PDB file of all heavy atoms in Angstrom:
ATOM      1  N   GLY A   1      -7.330  13.243   5.678  1.00  0.00           N
ATOM      2  CA  GLY A   1      -6.040  13.149   4.952  1.00  0.00           C
ATOM      3  C   GLY A   1      -5.418  11.843   5.295  1.00  0.00           C
ATOM      4  O   GLY A   1      -5.800  11.164   6.232  1.00  0.00           O
ATOM      5  N   PHE A   2      -4.388  11.453   4.439  1.00  0.00           N
ATOM      6  CA  PHE A   2      -3.795  10.167   4.596  1.00  0.00           C
ATOM      7  C   PHE A   2      -2.456  10.263   5.340  1.00  0.00           C
ATOM      8  O   PHE A   2      -1.711  11.317   5.166  1.00  0.00           O
ATOM      9  CB  PHE A   2      -3.463   9.603   3.264  1.00  0.00           C
ATOM     10  CG  PHE A   2      -4.668   9.155   2.450  1.00  0.00           C
ATOM     11  CD1 PHE A   2      -5.044   9.947   1.355  1.00  0.00           C
ATOM     12  CD2 PHE A   2      -5.474   8.084   2.820  1.00  0.00           C
ATOM     13  CE1 PHE A   2      -6.247   9.640   0.677  1.00  0.00           C
ATOM     14  CE2 PHE A   2      -6.580   7.756   2.130  1.00  0.00           C
ATOM     15  CZ  PHE A   2      -6.950   8.510   0.991  1.00  0.00           C
ATOM     16  N   ASP A   3      -2.183   9.404   6.173  1.00  0.00           N
ATOM     17  CA  ASP A   3      -0.872   9.246   6.864  1.00  0.00           C
ATOM     18  C   ASP A   3      -0.065   8.267   5.996  1.00  0.00           C
ATOM     19  O   ASP A   3      -0.263   7.056   6.136  1.00  0.00           O
ATOM     20  CB  ASP A   3      -1.097   8.720   8.242  1.00  0.00           C
ATOM     21  CG  ASP A   3       0.183   8.858   9.126  1.00  0.00           C
ATOM     22  OD1 ASP A   3       1.266   9.237   8.584  1.00  0.00           O
ATOM     23  OD2 ASP A   3       0.159   8.579  10.395  1.00  0.00           O
ATOM     24  N   VAL A   4       0.811   8.769   5.111  1.00  0.00           N
ATOM     25  CA  VAL A   4       1.392   7.882   4.099  1.00  0.00           C
ATOM     26  C   VAL A   4       2.480   7.002   4.612  1.00  0.00           C
ATOM     27  O   VAL A   4       2.710   5.899   4.095  1.00  0.00           O
ATOM     28  CB  VAL A   4       1.962   8.767   2.922  1.00  0.00           C
ATOM     29  CG1 VAL A   4       0.852   9.516   2.165  1.00  0.00           C
ATOM     30  CG2 VAL A   4       3.004   9.768   3.358  1.00  0.00           C
ATOM     31  N   ARG A   5       3.169   7.309   5.673  1.00  0.00           N
ATOM     32  CA  ARG A   5       4.248   6.457   6.183  1.00  0.00           C
ATOM     33  C   ARG A   5       3.752   5.091   6.545  1.00  0.00           C
ATOM     34  O   ARG A   5       4.241   4.028   6.151  1.00  0.00           O
ATOM     35  CB  ARG A   5       5.019   7.106   7.277  1.00  0.00           C
ATOM     36  CG  ARG A   5       6.147   6.159   7.807  1.00  0.00           C
ATOM     37  CD  ARG A   5       7.079   6.935   8.731  1.00  0.00           C
ATOM     38  NE  ARG A   5       7.766   7.935   8.059  1.00  0.00           N
ATOM     39  CZ  ARG A   5       8.081   9.103   8.571  1.00  0.00           C
ATOM     40  NH1 ARG A   5       7.775   9.371   9.772  1.00  0.00           N
ATOM     41  NH2 ARG A   5       8.774  10.007   7.842  1.00  0.00           N
ATOM     42  N   PRO A   6       2.645   4.993   7.425  1.00  0.00           N
ATOM     43  CA  PRO A   6       2.102   3.726   7.718  1.00  0.00           C
ATOM     44  C   PRO A   6       1.477   3.014   6.534  1.00  0.00           C
ATOM     45  O   PRO A   6       1.485   1.791   6.460  1.00  0.00           O
ATOM     46  CB  PRO A   6       1.045   4.023   8.825  1.00  0.00           C
ATOM     47  CG  PRO A   6       1.172   5.371   9.241  1.00  0.00           C
ATOM     48  CD  PRO A   6       2.054   6.080   8.274  1.00  0.00           C
ATOM     49  N   ILE A   7       0.951   3.739   5.575  1.00  0.00           N
ATOM     50  CA  ILE A   7       0.435   3.066   4.357  1.00  0.00           C
ATOM     51  C   ILE A   7       1.593   2.411   3.688  1.00  0.00           C
ATOM     52  O   ILE A   7       1.436   1.250   3.179  1.00  0.00           O
ATOM     53  CB  ILE A   7      -0.303   4.077   3.501  1.00  0.00           C
ATOM     54  CG1 ILE A   7      -1.514   4.557   4.098  1.00  0.00           C
ATOM     55  CG2 ILE A   7      -0.628   3.481   2.108  1.00  0.00           C
ATOM     56  CD1 ILE A   7      -2.244   5.685   3.416  1.00  0.00           C
ATOM     57  N   ARG A   8       2.723   3.050   3.513  1.00  0.00           N
ATOM     58  CA  ARG A   8       3.966   2.469   2.880  1.00  0.00           C
ATOM     59  C   ARG A   8       4.320   1.196   3.651  1.00  0.00           C
ATOM     60  O   ARG A   8       4.612   0.150   3.054  1.00  0.00           O
ATOM     61  CB  ARG A   8       5.044   3.492   2.893  1.00  0.00           C
ATOM     62  CG  ARG A   8       6.367   2.802   2.567  1.00  0.00           C
ATOM     63  CD  ARG A   8       6.791   3.211   1.231  1.00  0.00           C
ATOM     64  NE  ARG A   8       6.809   2.034   0.262  1.00  0.00           N
ATOM     65  CZ  ARG A   8       6.870   2.253  -1.013  1.00  0.00           C
ATOM     66  NH1 ARG A   8       6.873   3.432  -1.516  1.00  0.00           N
ATOM     67  NH2 ARG A   8       6.992   1.233  -1.809  1.00  0.00           N
ATOM     68  N   GLU A   9       4.365   1.298   4.970  1.00  0.00           N
ATOM     69  CA  GLU A   9       4.748   0.109   5.776  1.00  0.00           C
ATOM     70  C   GLU A   9       3.714  -1.047   5.572  1.00  0.00           C
ATOM     71  O   GLU A   9       4.221  -2.191   5.475  1.00  0.00           O
ATOM     72  CB  GLU A   9       4.889   0.510   7.280  1.00  0.00           C
ATOM     73  CG  GLU A   9       5.974   1.461   7.522  1.00  0.00           C
ATOM     74  CD  GLU A   9       5.926   2.093   8.913  1.00  0.00           C
ATOM     75  OE1 GLU A   9       5.012   1.832   9.658  1.00  0.00           O
ATOM     76  OE2 GLU A   9       6.830   2.920   9.246  1.00  0.00           O
ATOM     77  N   ALA A  10       2.496  -0.760   5.510  1.00  0.00           N
ATOM     78  CA  ALA A  10       1.468  -1.795   5.322  1.00  0.00           C
ATOM     79  C   ALA A  10       1.575  -2.407   3.930  1.00  0.00           C
ATOM     80  O   ALA A  10       1.523  -3.612   3.771  1.00  0.00           O
ATOM     81  CB  ALA A  10       0.005  -1.209   5.506  1.00  0.00           C
ATOM     82  N   ILE A  11       1.830  -1.636   2.879  1.00  0.00           N
ATOM     83  CA  ILE A  11       2.073  -2.197   1.480  1.00  0.00           C
ATOM     84  C   ILE A  11       3.312  -3.084   1.555  1.00  0.00           C
ATOM     85  O   ILE A  11       3.296  -4.168   1.035  1.00  0.00           O
ATOM     86  CB  ILE A  11       2.167  -1.083   0.506  1.00  0.00           C
ATOM     87  CG1 ILE A  11       0.810  -0.381   0.303  1.00  0.00           C
ATOM     88  CG2 ILE A  11       2.718  -1.581  -0.871  1.00  0.00           C
ATOM     89  CD1 ILE A  11       0.821   0.895  -0.507  1.00  0.00           C
ATOM     90  N   ASP A  12       4.378  -2.494   2.141  1.00  0.00           N
ATOM     91  CA  ASP A  12       5.644  -3.345   2.130  1.00  0.00           C
ATOM     92  C   ASP A  12       5.559  -4.573   2.869  1.00  0.00           C
ATOM     93  O   ASP A  12       6.185  -5.658   2.557  1.00  0.00           O
ATOM     94  CB  ASP A  12       6.795  -2.415   2.778  1.00  0.00           C
ATOM     95  CG  ASP A  12       7.270  -1.338   1.789  1.00  0.00           C
ATOM     96  OD1 ASP A  12       6.882  -1.327   0.551  1.00  0.00           O
ATOM     97  OD2 ASP A  12       7.976  -0.471   2.297  1.00  0.00           O
ATOM     98  N   SER A  13       4.740  -4.680   3.939  1.00  0.00           N
ATOM     99  CA  SER A  13       4.541  -5.860   4.694  1.00  0.00           C
ATOM    100  C   SER A  13       3.425  -6.822   4.159  1.00  0.00           C
ATOM    101  O   SER A  13       3.142  -7.868   4.815  1.00  0.00           O
ATOM    102  CB  SER A  13       4.259  -5.514   6.175  1.00  0.00           C
ATOM    103  OG  SER A  13       2.954  -4.903   6.366  1.00  0.00           O
ATOM    104  N   GLY A  14       2.784  -6.386   3.132  1.00  0.00           N
ATOM    105  CA  GLY A  14       1.731  -7.229   2.511  1.00  0.00           C
ATOM    106  C   GLY A  14       0.357  -7.007   3.031  1.00  0.00           C
ATOM    107  O   GLY A  14      -0.558  -7.731   2.763  1.00  0.00           O
ATOM    108  N   GLY A  15       0.217  -5.908   3.852  1.00  0.00           N
ATOM    109  CA  GLY A  15      -1.128  -5.558   4.448  1.00  0.00           C
ATOM    110  C   GLY A  15      -2.170  -5.224   3.457  1.00  0.00           C
ATOM    111  O   GLY A  15      -3.372  -5.272   3.811  1.00  0.00           O
ATOM    112  N   PHE A  16      -1.817  -4.934   2.224  1.00  0.00           N
ATOM    113  CA  PHE A  16      -2.845  -4.642   1.180  1.00  0.00           C
ATOM    114  C   PHE A  16      -2.859  -5.768   0.082  1.00  0.00           C
ATOM    115  O   PHE A  16      -3.408  -5.591  -0.981  1.00  0.00           O
ATOM    116  CB  PHE A  16      -2.482  -3.282   0.481  1.00  0.00           C
ATOM    117  CG  PHE A  16      -2.879  -2.093   1.302  1.00  0.00           C
ATOM    118  CD1 PHE A  16      -1.927  -1.471   2.196  1.00  0.00           C
ATOM    119  CD2 PHE A  16      -4.123  -1.530   1.226  1.00  0.00           C
ATOM    120  CE1 PHE A  16      -2.285  -0.435   2.931  1.00  0.00           C
ATOM    121  CE2 PHE A  16      -4.468  -0.475   1.992  1.00  0.00           C
ATOM    122  CZ  PHE A  16      -3.574   0.106   2.819  1.00  0.00           C
ATOM    123  N   GLY A  17      -2.136  -6.863   0.437  1.00  0.00           N
ATOM    124  CA  GLY A  17      -2.224  -7.970  -0.449  1.00  0.00           C
ATOM    125  C   GLY A  17      -0.982  -7.958  -1.369  1.00  0.00           C
ATOM    126  O   GLY A  17      -0.149  -7.113  -1.307  1.00  0.00           O
ATOM    127  N   GLU A  18      -1.017  -8.916  -2.305  1.00  0.00           N
ATOM    128  CA  GLU A  18       0.015  -9.065  -3.331  1.00  0.00           C
ATOM    129  C   GLU A  18      -0.116  -7.908  -4.351  1.00  0.00           C
ATOM    130  O   GLU A  18      -1.183  -7.303  -4.488  1.00  0.00           O
ATOM    131  CB  GLU A  18      -0.104 -10.386  -4.101  1.00  0.00           C
ATOM    132  CG  GLU A  18       0.195 -11.627  -3.203  1.00  0.00           C
ATOM    133  CD  GLU A  18       1.549 -11.600  -2.710  1.00  0.00           C
ATOM    134  OE1 GLU A  18       2.469 -11.394  -3.414  1.00  0.00           O
ATOM    135  OE2 GLU A  18       1.751 -11.876  -1.488  1.00  0.00           O
ATOM    136  N   TRP A  19       0.992  -7.650  -5.126  1.00  0.00           N
ATOM    137  CA  TRP A  19       0.959  -6.671  -6.149  1.00  0.00           C
ATOM    138  C   TRP A  19      -0.144  -6.992  -7.144  1.00  0.00           C
ATOM    139  O   TRP A  19      -0.361  -8.088  -7.614  1.00  0.00           O
ATOM    140  CB  TRP A  19       2.330  -6.615  -6.958  1.00  0.00           C
ATOM    141  CG  TRP A  19       2.290  -5.407  -7.806  1.00  0.00           C
ATOM    142  CD1 TRP A  19       2.890  -4.179  -7.561  1.00  0.00           C
ATOM    143  CD2 TRP A  19       1.792  -5.285  -9.118  1.00  0.00           C
ATOM    144  NE1 TRP A  19       2.671  -3.362  -8.604  1.00  0.00           N
ATOM    145  CE2 TRP A  19       1.987  -4.020  -9.594  1.00  0.00           C
ATOM    146  CE3 TRP A  19       1.082  -6.119 -10.005  1.00  0.00           C
ATOM    147  CZ2 TRP A  19       1.591  -3.527 -10.847  1.00  0.00           C
ATOM    148  CZ3 TRP A  19       0.657  -5.707 -11.188  1.00  0.00           C
ATOM    149  CH2 TRP A  19       0.895  -4.339 -11.667  1.00  0.00           C
ATOM    150  N   ARG A  20      -0.842  -5.893  -7.467  1.00  0.00           N
ATOM    151  CA  ARG A  20      -1.843  -5.958  -8.491  1.00  0.00           C
ATOM    152  C   ARG A  20      -2.024  -4.579  -9.064  1.00  0.00           C
ATOM    153  O   ARG A  20      -1.471  -3.619  -8.477  1.00  0.00           O
ATOM    154  CB  ARG A  20      -3.195  -6.561  -8.015  1.00  0.00           C
ATOM    155  CG  ARG A  20      -3.792  -5.818  -6.868  1.00  0.00           C
ATOM    156  CD  ARG A  20      -4.928  -6.573  -6.229  1.00  0.00           C
ATOM    157  NE  ARG A  20      -5.606  -5.709  -5.205  1.00  0.00           N
ATOM    158  CZ  ARG A  20      -5.125  -5.390  -3.947  1.00  0.00           C
ATOM    159  NH1 ARG A  20      -3.993  -5.935  -3.578  1.00  0.00           N
ATOM    160  NH2 ARG A  20      -5.850  -4.735  -3.164  1.00  0.00           N
ATOM    161  N   GLU A  21      -2.776  -4.400 -10.120  1.00  0.00           N
ATOM    162  CA  GLU A  21      -2.887  -3.127 -10.726  1.00  0.00           C
ATOM    163  C   GLU A  21      -3.506  -2.095  -9.748  1.00  0.00           C
ATOM    164  O   GLU A  21      -3.011  -0.959  -9.745  1.00  0.00           O
ATOM    165  CB  GLU A  21      -3.775  -3.260 -12.023  1.00  0.00           C
ATOM    166  CG  GLU A  21      -3.437  -2.255 -13.032  1.00  0.00           C
ATOM    167  CD  GLU A  21      -4.021  -2.615 -14.394  1.00  0.00           C
ATOM    168  OE1 GLU A  21      -4.146  -3.784 -14.761  1.00  0.00           O
ATOM    169  OE2 GLU A  21      -4.325  -1.639 -15.109  1.00  0.00           O
ATOM    170  N   ASP A  22      -4.571  -2.484  -8.969  1.00  0.00           N
ATOM    171  CA  ASP A  22      -5.131  -1.578  -8.077  1.00  0.00           C
ATOM    172  C   ASP A  22      -4.091  -1.053  -7.048  1.00  0.00           C
ATOM    173  O   ASP A  22      -4.155   0.098  -6.619  1.00  0.00           O
ATOM    174  CB  ASP A  22      -6.270  -2.210  -7.303  1.00  0.00           C
ATOM    175  CG  ASP A  22      -7.432  -2.642  -8.247  1.00  0.00           C
ATOM    176  OD1 ASP A  22      -7.574  -2.038  -9.343  1.00  0.00           O
ATOM    177  OD2 ASP A  22      -8.223  -3.507  -7.847  1.00  0.00           O
ATOM    178  N   LEU A  23      -3.224  -1.892  -6.592  1.00  0.00           N
ATOM    179  CA  LEU A  23      -2.235  -1.502  -5.584  1.00  0.00           C
ATOM    180  C   LEU A  23      -1.228  -0.526  -6.217  1.00  0.00           C
ATOM    181  O   LEU A  23      -0.821   0.421  -5.559  1.00  0.00           O
ATOM    182  CB  LEU A  23      -1.442  -2.704  -5.040  1.00  0.00           C
ATOM    183  CG  LEU A  23      -0.568  -2.443  -3.930  1.00  0.00           C
ATOM    184  CD1 LEU A  23      -1.236  -1.822  -2.750  1.00  0.00           C
ATOM    185  CD2 LEU A  23       0.064  -3.782  -3.501  1.00  0.00           C
ATOM    186  N   ALA A  24      -0.906  -0.684  -7.504  1.00  0.00           N
ATOM    187  CA  ALA A  24      -0.004   0.223  -8.228  1.00  0.00           C
ATOM    188  C   ALA A  24      -0.642   1.622  -8.243  1.00  0.00           C
ATOM    189  O   ALA A  24       0.025   2.661  -8.073  1.00  0.00           O
ATOM    190  CB  ALA A  24       0.370  -0.282  -9.556  1.00  0.00           C
ATOM    191  N   VAL A  25      -1.924   1.666  -8.554  1.00  0.00           N
ATOM    192  CA  VAL A  25      -2.626   2.967  -8.648  1.00  0.00           C
ATOM    193  C   VAL A  25      -2.607   3.653  -7.243  1.00  0.00           C
ATOM    194  O   VAL A  25      -2.388   4.769  -7.009  1.00  0.00           O
ATOM    195  CB  VAL A  25      -4.104   2.816  -9.118  1.00  0.00           C
ATOM    196  CG1 VAL A  25      -4.905   4.102  -8.909  1.00  0.00           C
ATOM    197  CG2 VAL A  25      -4.072   2.364 -10.519  1.00  0.00           C
ATOM    198  N   LEU A  26      -2.834   2.848  -6.165  1.00  0.00           N
ATOM    199  CA  LEU A  26      -2.794   3.363  -4.825  1.00  0.00           C
ATOM    200  C   LEU A  26      -1.412   3.927  -4.528  1.00  0.00           C
ATOM    201  O   LEU A  26      -1.198   4.980  -3.931  1.00  0.00           O
ATOM    202  CB  LEU A  26      -3.151   2.392  -3.737  1.00  0.00           C
ATOM    203  CG  LEU A  26      -2.963   2.704  -2.342  1.00  0.00           C
ATOM    204  CD1 LEU A  26      -3.869   3.891  -1.988  1.00  0.00           C
ATOM    205  CD2 LEU A  26      -3.249   1.545  -1.421  1.00  0.00           C
ATOM    206  N   MET A  27      -0.347   3.217  -4.950  1.00  0.00           N
ATOM    207  CA  MET A  27       1.102   3.672  -4.682  1.00  0.00           C
ATOM    208  C   MET A  27       1.281   4.972  -5.375  1.00  0.00           C
ATOM    209  O   MET A  27       1.949   5.886  -4.863  1.00  0.00           O
ATOM    210  CB  MET A  27       2.055   2.538  -5.089  1.00  0.00           C
ATOM    211  CG  MET A  27       1.941   1.383  -4.177  1.00  0.00           C
ATOM    212  SD  MET A  27       2.869  -0.058  -4.866  1.00  0.00           S
ATOM    213  CE  MET A  27       4.564   0.563  -4.665  1.00  0.00           C
TER     214      MET A  27
END
């Protein structure tokens, strides 16, 4: 299962890169 809070923090801090379509699907 996913631990969503740290995923959110990583997205917000750029840990998954700049916004792109793939990132929107992950969100």
